[in-house]
Protein backbone atom coordinates (compact mmCIF):
# COMPACT_ATOMS: atom_id res chain seq x y z
CA MET A 1 26.06 -76.36 -53.72
CA HIS A 2 27.40 -73.33 -55.61
CA THR A 3 25.11 -74.09 -58.57
CA LEU A 4 22.11 -74.37 -56.27
CA ARG A 5 22.86 -70.97 -54.70
CA THR A 6 23.26 -69.39 -58.13
CA LEU A 7 19.97 -70.90 -59.29
CA VAL A 8 18.11 -69.75 -56.16
CA ALA A 9 19.58 -66.25 -56.47
CA ALA A 10 18.54 -66.03 -60.12
CA LEU A 11 15.01 -67.18 -59.30
CA VAL A 12 14.68 -64.67 -56.46
CA ILE A 13 15.89 -61.85 -58.70
CA LEU A 14 13.43 -62.83 -61.42
CA ALA A 15 10.61 -63.14 -58.89
CA LEU A 16 11.31 -59.64 -57.61
CA ALA A 17 11.85 -57.97 -60.96
CA LEU A 18 9.20 -59.48 -63.23
CA PRO A 19 5.88 -58.77 -61.47
CA ALA A 20 6.25 -54.98 -61.66
CA ALA A 21 7.20 -55.03 -65.34
CA ALA A 22 4.63 -57.63 -66.41
CA ALA A 23 1.56 -56.19 -64.68
CA PRO A 24 -0.58 -54.15 -67.09
CA GLN A 25 -1.57 -50.68 -65.95
CA ASP A 26 -5.09 -50.11 -67.30
CA ARG A 27 -6.23 -47.72 -64.59
CA HIS A 28 -7.09 -44.19 -65.64
CA ALA A 29 -7.69 -41.11 -63.53
CA ILE A 30 -10.21 -40.00 -66.14
CA SER A 31 -11.95 -42.09 -68.75
CA PRO A 32 -10.47 -41.87 -72.26
CA SER A 33 -13.80 -40.70 -73.72
CA ALA A 34 -14.12 -37.88 -71.15
CA LEU A 35 -10.56 -36.80 -71.88
CA ALA A 36 -11.19 -36.77 -75.63
CA GLN A 37 -14.35 -34.73 -75.13
CA ALA A 38 -12.59 -32.20 -72.86
CA VAL A 39 -9.66 -31.80 -75.26
CA ALA A 40 -11.94 -31.41 -78.28
CA GLY A 41 -13.88 -28.70 -76.44
CA ASP A 42 -10.67 -26.87 -75.54
CA VAL A 43 -9.36 -27.08 -79.10
CA ASP A 44 -12.62 -25.65 -80.45
CA ARG A 45 -12.51 -22.82 -77.88
CA VAL A 46 -8.87 -22.00 -78.68
CA ASP A 47 -9.53 -22.15 -82.41
CA ALA A 48 -12.42 -19.70 -82.04
CA SER A 49 -10.36 -17.31 -79.89
CA ILE A 50 -7.46 -17.26 -82.37
CA ASP A 51 -9.75 -15.64 -84.95
CA THR A 52 -10.34 -12.71 -82.56
CA LEU A 53 -6.63 -11.94 -81.95
CA ASN A 54 -4.90 -9.09 -83.72
CA PRO A 55 -1.55 -9.87 -85.41
CA GLU A 56 0.53 -8.52 -82.48
CA GLY A 57 -1.43 -10.58 -79.94
CA LEU A 58 -1.12 -13.66 -82.11
CA THR A 59 2.66 -13.14 -82.38
CA ARG A 60 2.98 -12.75 -78.59
CA THR A 61 0.89 -15.87 -78.02
CA ALA A 62 2.96 -17.88 -80.50
CA LYS A 63 6.22 -16.77 -78.82
CA ALA A 64 4.87 -17.69 -75.37
CA ALA A 65 3.74 -21.10 -76.63
CA ASP A 66 7.15 -21.66 -78.22
CA GLU A 67 8.92 -20.81 -74.92
CA VAL A 68 6.69 -23.22 -73.00
CA ASN A 69 7.29 -25.92 -75.60
CA ARG A 70 11.07 -25.44 -75.42
CA ALA A 71 10.97 -25.67 -71.62
CA LEU A 72 8.96 -28.90 -71.71
CA VAL A 73 10.83 -30.63 -74.52
CA GLY A 74 14.06 -30.91 -72.53
CA GLY A 75 12.45 -33.20 -69.97
CA ALA A 76 13.27 -33.35 -66.31
CA SER A 77 16.68 -32.12 -65.22
CA THR A 78 16.72 -34.35 -62.14
CA VAL A 79 16.79 -38.12 -61.80
CA VAL A 80 14.42 -39.68 -59.29
CA ILE A 81 15.09 -43.21 -58.06
CA SER A 82 12.19 -44.85 -56.29
CA THR A 83 12.64 -46.66 -53.01
CA THR A 84 11.59 -49.89 -54.73
CA THR A 85 14.48 -49.59 -57.15
CA ILE A 86 16.93 -48.90 -54.33
CA ILE A 87 15.67 -51.90 -52.36
CA LEU A 88 15.93 -54.19 -55.42
CA VAL A 89 19.48 -53.05 -56.10
CA LEU A 90 20.43 -53.65 -52.48
CA VAL A 91 18.88 -57.13 -52.53
CA ILE A 92 20.76 -58.00 -55.71
CA VAL A 93 24.05 -56.74 -54.24
CA ILE A 94 23.48 -58.74 -51.06
CA LEU A 95 22.65 -61.88 -53.06
CA VAL A 96 25.75 -61.47 -55.21
CA LEU A 97 27.90 -61.04 -52.10
CA LEU A 98 26.34 -64.13 -50.51
CA ILE A 99 26.96 -66.22 -53.60
CA ASP A 100 30.67 -65.45 -53.64
């Protein structure tokens, strides 16, 4: 009976954990071609405007870009746990407690 409970618990855990990880996410808020076109247009516009900057303006812009880059590189300073993760952890804990 103990082996059956362990097997059922393992199958339930796999059934809950695998679908979210295995499902491909091919949805896009914007099509890849539209994004590429928008980015290419912005890069061309920025490239053209750099030629019009004086050396002091270019230095200020480079420093500002470096500050923004440093702020973004560190990543998020908070950890967010989704409700789905919390529920899965609780289900696993309950199953482990029931097995023992």
